[in-house]
Amino acid sequence: MTSVLRLMAVAFLVASCGGRDHSPPRNLDDACALASERPAYLRAMRDTEREWNVPVPVQMAIIHAESRFDGGARTPHRYALGVIPLGRQSSAYGYSQALDGTWDEYQAATRNRRAQRDDIRDATDFIGWYAAEAQRANSIHPANARELYLAYHEGNTGYARGSYRNQAWLIAVADNVANRAVMYDQQLRTCGRR
């Protein structure tokens, strides 16, 4: 085997071993199954609940709405004339779909410059931090999944202005987040994980 082929084989082996699995769990409609399949997710969310007072089911519902638990989730590409690529719709990335600027604010505020949006611990901590900001700015309780999601989506300034009021689709998504948080809460209580 030539040295070039050997080098390529070693590089491929290292690359395949070093990555994290960002794929979503199999059953996103069952909080107990999700917690069993990915216990690290539940540990991260419990830590966030202790730190920021955001209930685990609320975190789960927000992540479900934002990325369907896909750590590598990105917004779709935009195209001009249907064929010319213009880049992505936004800089949203990871489990929490945090935008670049908001993620930078989070990293500065928490002094966690190593935080990564495709790391479930960092993503849940980001949601907790954002909930604390929403409570401070708009008096939204961290357990109020509907209002928290509206502020999360529109930003605290947009929420305060009521920018969501004329967006029926967004209100429907926020209602779904609230319903899913209740469903996840009931499921977690049933299987003894709450």
Protein backbone atom coordinates (compact mmCIF):
# COMPACT_ATOMS: atom_id res chain seq x y z
CA MET A 1 0.00 0.00 0.00
CA THR A 2 1.45 3.37 -0.92
CA SER A 3 2.04 5.95 1.78
CA VAL A 4 -0.66 8.19 0.30
CA LEU A 5 -3.25 5.43 0.59
CA ARG A 6 -2.10 4.66 4.14
CA LEU A 7 -2.40 8.31 5.09
CA MET A 8 -5.89 8.50 3.57
CA ALA A 9 -6.97 5.34 5.42
CA VAL A 10 -5.71 6.71 8.76
CA ALA A 11 -7.38 10.08 8.15
CA PHE A 12 -10.68 8.36 7.33
CA LEU A 13 -10.44 6.18 10.43
CA VAL A 14 -9.73 9.15 12.71
CA ALA A 15 -12.55 11.19 11.18
CA SER A 16 -15.07 8.39 11.53
CA CYS A 17 -14.20 7.77 15.19
CA GLY A 18 -14.15 11.37 16.37
CA GLY A 19 -17.61 12.60 15.49
CA ARG A 20 -20.65 12.85 17.72
CA ASP A 21 -23.98 11.36 16.82
CA HIS A 22 -26.34 14.27 16.12
CA SER A 23 -29.14 12.16 14.70
CA PRO A 24 -32.51 12.48 16.42
CA PRO A 25 -33.86 9.76 18.71
CA ARG A 26 -36.28 7.30 17.12
CA ASN A 27 -39.49 8.23 18.98
CA LEU A 28 -39.95 11.98 19.44
CA ASP A 29 -43.53 11.62 20.66
CA ASP A 30 -42.64 9.63 23.78
CA ALA A 31 -40.56 11.46 26.40
CA CYS A 32 -39.85 8.22 28.27
CA ALA A 33 -38.54 6.47 25.16
CA LEU A 34 -36.50 9.54 24.30
CA ALA A 35 -34.99 9.62 27.81
CA SER A 36 -34.23 5.87 27.67
CA GLU A 37 -32.59 6.08 24.26
CA ARG A 38 -30.59 9.23 25.09
CA PRO A 39 -30.04 9.40 28.88
CA ALA A 40 -27.48 12.18 28.37
CA TYR A 41 -30.30 14.39 27.06
CA LEU A 42 -32.32 13.92 30.24
CA ARG A 43 -29.25 14.57 32.43
CA ALA A 44 -28.50 17.79 30.54
CA MET A 45 -32.10 18.96 30.83
CA ARG A 46 -32.25 18.19 34.54
CA ASP A 47 -29.06 20.20 35.07
CA THR A 48 -30.62 23.10 33.16
CA GLU A 49 -33.81 22.83 35.21
CA ARG A 50 -31.76 23.06 38.42
CA GLU A 51 -29.68 25.98 37.12
CA TRP A 52 -32.32 28.06 35.31
CA ASN A 53 -35.69 26.75 36.60
CA VAL A 54 -36.91 25.71 33.12
CA PRO A 55 -38.83 22.43 33.43
CA VAL A 56 -37.50 19.46 31.45
CA PRO A 57 -40.76 19.07 29.44
CA VAL A 58 -40.58 22.73 28.35
CA GLN A 59 -37.00 22.26 27.16
CA MET A 60 -37.99 19.09 25.30
CA ALA A 61 -40.92 20.83 23.61
CA ILE A 62 -38.77 23.78 22.49
CA ILE A 63 -36.05 21.51 21.10
CA HIS A 64 -38.70 19.42 19.34
CA ALA A 65 -40.15 22.54 17.68
CA GLU A 66 -36.77 23.96 16.74
CA SER A 67 -34.76 20.97 15.51
CA ARG A 68 -36.69 17.74 16.15
CA PHE A 69 -33.67 16.80 18.32
CA ASP A 70 -31.28 16.93 15.34
CA GLY A 71 -28.01 18.36 16.65
CA GLY A 72 -26.83 19.21 13.15
CA ALA A 73 -30.05 20.93 12.06
CA ARG A 74 -29.71 23.99 9.83
CA THR A 75 -32.20 26.16 8.04
CA PRO A 76 -32.83 25.41 4.35
CA HIS A 77 -30.88 27.06 1.56
CA ARG A 78 -32.34 30.02 -0.33
CA TYR A 79 -32.28 30.13 -4.12
CA ALA A 80 -32.70 32.92 -6.65
CA LEU A 81 -34.78 31.95 -9.66
CA GLY A 82 -35.08 28.52 -8.08
CA VAL A 83 -31.53 27.47 -8.97
CA ILE A 84 -28.90 30.04 -7.90
CA PRO A 85 -27.83 29.30 -4.30
CA LEU A 86 -27.92 32.34 -1.99
CA GLY A 87 -26.96 30.68 1.29
CA ARG A 88 -29.07 29.59 4.21
CA GLN A 89 -32.23 31.34 5.39
CA SER A 90 -30.53 32.22 8.69
CA SER A 91 -27.55 31.31 10.86
CA ALA A 92 -29.71 29.09 13.12
CA TYR A 93 -27.94 25.86 13.96
CA GLY A 94 -28.05 22.89 16.30
CA TYR A 95 -30.54 21.52 18.79
CA SER A 96 -31.72 24.96 19.93
CA GLN A 97 -31.50 26.62 16.49
CA ALA A 98 -29.75 29.57 18.12
CA LEU A 99 -28.68 32.34 15.76
CA ASP A 100 -25.01 33.35 15.61
CA GLY A 101 -25.55 36.69 17.37
CA THR A 102 -27.72 35.28 20.15
CA TRP A 103 -25.27 32.42 20.68
CA ASP A 104 -22.45 34.95 20.96
CA GLU A 105 -24.47 36.84 23.61
CA TYR A 106 -25.02 33.59 25.51
CA GLN A 107 -21.33 32.69 25.39
CA ALA A 108 -20.34 36.13 26.65
CA ALA A 109 -22.99 36.25 29.39
CA THR A 110 -22.18 32.76 30.70
CA ARG A 111 -18.43 33.05 30.01
CA ASN A 112 -18.67 29.73 28.20
CA ARG A 113 -16.74 30.44 24.99
CA ARG A 114 -16.37 26.70 24.32
CA ALA A 115 -20.14 26.13 24.14
CA GLN A 116 -21.29 24.47 20.93
CA ARG A 117 -24.77 24.51 19.46
CA ASP A 118 -24.54 20.84 18.48
CA ASP A 119 -23.84 19.80 22.09
CA ILE A 120 -27.04 18.93 23.98
CA ARG A 121 -25.66 20.21 27.31
CA ASP A 122 -24.82 23.59 25.81
CA ALA A 123 -28.10 23.75 23.86
CA THR A 124 -30.23 23.11 26.94
CA ASP A 125 -28.18 25.57 28.97
CA PHE A 126 -28.77 28.13 26.22
CA ILE A 127 -32.53 27.57 26.51
CA GLY A 128 -32.27 28.07 30.26
CA TRP A 129 -30.27 31.26 29.86
CA TYR A 130 -32.73 32.55 27.27
CA ALA A 131 -35.65 31.78 29.59
CA ALA A 132 -33.97 33.79 32.34
CA GLU A 133 -33.56 36.68 29.90
CA ALA A 134 -37.24 36.40 28.89
CA GLN A 135 -38.28 36.45 32.53
CA ARG A 136 -36.15 39.53 33.19
CA ALA A 137 -37.22 41.39 30.05
CA ASN A 138 -40.86 40.33 29.71
CA SER A 139 -41.85 38.68 33.02
CA ILE A 140 -42.36 35.31 31.30
CA HIS A 141 -42.25 32.44 33.77
CA PRO A 142 -39.82 29.70 32.64
CA ALA A 143 -42.61 27.09 32.87
CA ASN A 144 -44.87 29.03 30.48
CA ALA A 145 -43.96 27.09 27.33
CA ARG A 146 -46.23 29.05 24.98
CA GLU A 147 -45.06 32.55 25.87
CA LEU A 148 -41.46 31.44 26.28
CA TYR A 149 -41.49 29.97 22.78
CA LEU A 150 -42.95 33.18 21.32
CA ALA A 151 -40.15 35.20 22.96
CA TYR A 152 -37.61 32.59 21.89
CA HIS A 153 -38.72 32.83 18.27
CA GLU A 154 -39.28 36.58 18.03
CA GLY A 155 -36.59 37.74 20.45
CA ASN A 156 -37.38 39.56 23.66
CA THR A 157 -37.73 42.92 21.93
CA GLY A 158 -40.03 41.49 19.25
CA TYR A 159 -42.09 39.74 21.90
CA ALA A 160 -42.45 42.99 23.88
CA ARG A 161 -43.66 44.74 20.70
CA GLY A 162 -46.13 41.92 20.04
CA SER A 163 -44.60 41.04 16.66
CA TYR A 164 -46.07 37.54 16.92
CA ARG A 165 -49.70 38.73 17.08
CA ASN A 166 -50.17 38.90 13.29
CA GLN A 167 -48.44 35.58 12.65
CA ALA A 168 -51.11 32.92 12.97
CA TRP A 169 -48.68 30.16 11.99
CA LEU A 170 -46.30 31.14 14.83
CA ILE A 171 -49.09 31.27 17.39
CA ALA A 172 -50.13 27.78 16.24
CA VAL A 173 -46.55 26.53 16.69
CA ALA A 174 -46.39 28.11 20.16
CA ASP A 175 -49.68 26.41 21.07
CA ASN A 176 -48.22 23.11 19.85
CA VAL A 177 -45.12 23.68 22.00
CA ALA A 178 -47.32 24.26 25.05
CA ASN A 179 -49.38 21.13 24.32
CA ARG A 180 -46.26 19.04 23.74
CA ALA A 181 -44.75 20.28 27.02
CA VAL A 182 -47.89 19.09 28.85
CA MET A 183 -47.76 15.74 27.02
CA TYR A 184 -44.05 15.26 27.81
CA ASP A 185 -44.69 16.17 31.46
CA GLN A 186 -47.48 13.58 31.78
CA GLN A 187 -45.34 10.93 30.09
CA LEU A 188 -42.33 11.59 32.31
CA ARG A 189 -44.52 11.39 35.41
CA THR A 190 -46.02 8.08 34.22
CA CYS A 191 -42.61 6.45 33.76
CA GLY A 192 -41.21 7.96 36.98
CA ARG A 193 -38.68 10.27 35.38
CA ARG A 194 -40.23 13.54 36.57
